[in-house]
């Protein structure tokens, strides 16, 4: 019974992890330009520059979210290890 519950928990964790990766990798077109950047790059001649600025802003947004995710994962691991030690 104990082994079966452990296998179910492991499968659930793997499924959650795969779902999280899939959601993270879904490419959603983001329009991340501020009003000043949009006004400066408006026009047909600046299309490539506008796309480059937009991509740069999106990539800069990834770092804070990644840091929060890493810190959250580390806190989860610490909580889980303390819970495991308390059970023993």
C-alpha atoms as a PDB file:
ATOM      1  CA  UNK A   1       0.000   0.000   0.000  1.00  0.00           C
ATOM      2  CA  UNK A   2       2.808   2.392   0.936  1.00  0.00           C
ATOM      3  CA  UNK A   3       4.690   1.729  -2.312  1.00  0.00           C
ATOM      4  CA  UNK A   4       1.538   2.221  -4.399  1.00  0.00           C
ATOM      5  CA  UNK A   5       0.864   5.610  -2.759  1.00  0.00           C
ATOM      6  CA  UNK A   6       4.467   6.637  -3.293  1.00  0.00           C
ATOM      7  CA  UNK A   7       4.302   5.692  -6.997  1.00  0.00           C
ATOM      8  CA  UNK A   8       1.037   7.653  -7.422  1.00  0.00           C
ATOM      9  CA  UNK A   9       2.603  10.714  -5.779  1.00  0.00           C
ATOM     10  CA  UNK A  10       5.655  10.426  -8.015  1.00  0.00           C
ATOM     11  CA  UNK A  11       3.511  10.129 -11.154  1.00  0.00           C
ATOM     12  CA  UNK A  12       1.478  13.128 -10.058  1.00  0.00           C
ATOM     13  CA  UNK A  13       4.636  15.179  -9.538  1.00  0.00           C
ATOM     14  CA  UNK A  14       6.014  14.177 -12.922  1.00  0.00           C
ATOM     15  CA  UNK A  15       2.748  15.094 -14.617  1.00  0.00           C
ATOM     16  CA  UNK A  16       2.672  18.453 -12.845  1.00  0.00           C
ATOM     17  CA  UNK A  17       6.267  19.132 -13.861  1.00  0.00           C
ATOM     18  CA  UNK A  18       5.596  18.264 -17.510  1.00  0.00           C
ATOM     19  CA  UNK A  19       2.477  20.445 -17.529  1.00  0.00           C
ATOM     20  CA  UNK A  20       4.472  23.330 -16.062  1.00  0.00           C
ATOM     21  CA  UNK A  21       7.178  22.976 -18.701  1.00  0.00           C
ATOM     22  CA  UNK A  22       4.574  22.868 -21.481  1.00  0.00           C
ATOM     23  CA  UNK A  23       2.865  25.994 -20.185  1.00  0.00           C
ATOM     24  CA  UNK A  24       6.218  27.743 -19.869  1.00  0.00           C
ATOM     25  CA  UNK A  25       7.234  26.905 -23.426  1.00  0.00           C
ATOM     26  CA  UNK A  26       3.992  27.938 -25.115  1.00  0.00           C
ATOM     27  CA  UNK A  27       4.856  30.854 -27.319  1.00  0.00           C
ATOM     28  CA  UNK A  28       2.423  33.655 -26.724  1.00  0.00           C
ATOM     29  CA  UNK A  29       2.889  36.802 -28.704  1.00  0.00           C
ATOM     30  CA  UNK A  30       3.485  39.544 -26.181  1.00  0.00           C
ATOM     31  CA  UNK A  31       3.255  43.242 -26.863  1.00  0.00           C
ATOM     32  CA  UNK A  32       5.597  44.539 -24.191  1.00  0.00           C
ATOM     33  CA  UNK A  33       6.497  47.968 -25.473  1.00  0.00           C
ATOM     34  CA  UNK A  34       5.913  50.986 -23.304  1.00  0.00           C
ATOM     35  CA  UNK A  35       4.134  54.012 -24.734  1.00  0.00           C
ATOM     36  CA  UNK A  36       7.383  55.973 -25.181  1.00  0.00           C
ATOM     37  CA  UNK A  37       9.088  53.151 -27.071  1.00  0.00           C
ATOM     38  CA  UNK A  38       6.038  52.617 -29.249  1.00  0.00           C
ATOM     39  CA  UNK A  39       5.869  56.324 -30.129  1.00  0.00           C
ATOM     40  CA  UNK A  40       9.596  56.494 -30.919  1.00  0.00           C
ATOM     41  CA  UNK A  41       9.482  53.405 -33.110  1.00  0.00           C
ATOM     42  CA  UNK A  42       6.127  54.054 -34.803  1.00  0.00           C
ATOM     43  CA  UNK A  43       6.077  53.945 -38.555  1.00  0.00           C
ATOM     44  CA  UNK A  44       6.635  51.489 -41.365  1.00  0.00           C
ATOM     45  CA  UNK A  45      10.387  52.084 -41.622  1.00  0.00           C
ATOM     46  CA  UNK A  46      11.092  51.010 -38.027  1.00  0.00           C
ATOM     47  CA  UNK A  47       9.335  47.631 -38.005  1.00  0.00           C
ATOM     48  CA  UNK A  48      12.502  45.585 -37.410  1.00  0.00           C
ATOM     49  CA  UNK A  49      13.700  47.959 -34.695  1.00  0.00           C
ATOM     50  CA  UNK A  50      10.311  47.809 -32.985  1.00  0.00           C
ATOM     51  CA  UNK A  51      10.349  43.993 -33.047  1.00  0.00           C
ATOM     52  CA  UNK A  52      13.894  43.970 -31.636  1.00  0.00           C
ATOM     53  CA  UNK A  53      12.944  46.323 -28.798  1.00  0.00           C
ATOM     54  CA  UNK A  54       9.848  44.250 -28.044  1.00  0.00           C
ATOM     55  CA  UNK A  55      11.867  41.019 -27.959  1.00  0.00           C
ATOM     56  CA  UNK A  56      14.463  42.618 -25.687  1.00  0.00           C
ATOM     57  CA  UNK A  57      11.809  43.739 -23.219  1.00  0.00           C
ATOM     58  CA  UNK A  58      10.247  40.278 -23.165  1.00  0.00           C
ATOM     59  CA  UNK A  59      13.631  38.615 -22.556  1.00  0.00           C
ATOM     60  CA  UNK A  60      14.391  41.059 -19.746  1.00  0.00           C
ATOM     61  CA  UNK A  61      11.070  40.108 -18.119  1.00  0.00           C
ATOM     62  CA  UNK A  62      12.075  36.437 -18.022  1.00  0.00           C
ATOM     63  CA  UNK A  63      14.855  36.922 -15.444  1.00  0.00           C
ATOM     64  CA  UNK A  64      12.670  38.103 -12.506  1.00  0.00           C
ATOM     65  CA  UNK A  65      10.125  35.343 -13.106  1.00  0.00           C
ATOM     66  CA  UNK A  66      12.893  32.761 -13.307  1.00  0.00           C
ATOM     67  CA  UNK A  67      14.427  34.008 -10.045  1.00  0.00           C
ATOM     68  CA  UNK A  68      11.068  33.859  -8.268  1.00  0.00           C
ATOM     69  CA  UNK A  69      10.507  30.320  -9.559  1.00  0.00           C
ATOM     70  CA  UNK A  70      13.955  29.182  -8.375  1.00  0.00           C
ATOM     71  CA  UNK A  71      13.501  30.733  -4.932  1.00  0.00           C
ATOM     72  CA  UNK A  72      10.042  29.175  -4.651  1.00  0.00           C
ATOM     73  CA  UNK A  73      11.435  25.761  -5.577  1.00  0.00           C
ATOM     74  CA  UNK A  74      14.220  26.067  -2.985  1.00  0.00           C
ATOM     75  CA  UNK A  75      11.715  27.026  -0.289  1.00  0.00           C
ATOM     76  CA  UNK A  76       9.551  24.047  -1.283  1.00  0.00           C
ATOM     77  CA  UNK A  77      12.549  21.701  -1.024  1.00  0.00           C
ATOM     78  CA  UNK A  78      13.470  23.088   2.414  1.00  0.00           C
ATOM     79  CA  UNK A  79       9.888  22.697   3.635  1.00  0.00           C
ATOM     80  CA  UNK A  80       9.709  19.165   2.278  1.00  0.00           C
ATOM     81  CA  UNK A  81      13.033  18.116   3.858  1.00  0.00           C
ATOM     82  CA  UNK A  82      11.932  19.508   7.247  1.00  0.00           C
ATOM     83  CA  UNK A  83       8.644  17.637   6.952  1.00  0.00           C
ATOM     84  CA  UNK A  84      10.499  14.428   6.102  1.00  0.00           C
ATOM     85  CA  UNK A  85      12.819  14.835   9.112  1.00  0.00           C
ATOM     86  CA  UNK A  86       9.800  15.394  11.373  1.00  0.00           C
ATOM     87  CA  UNK A  87       8.246  12.116  10.191  1.00  0.00           C
ATOM     88  CA  UNK A  88      11.354  10.124  11.043  1.00  0.00           C
END
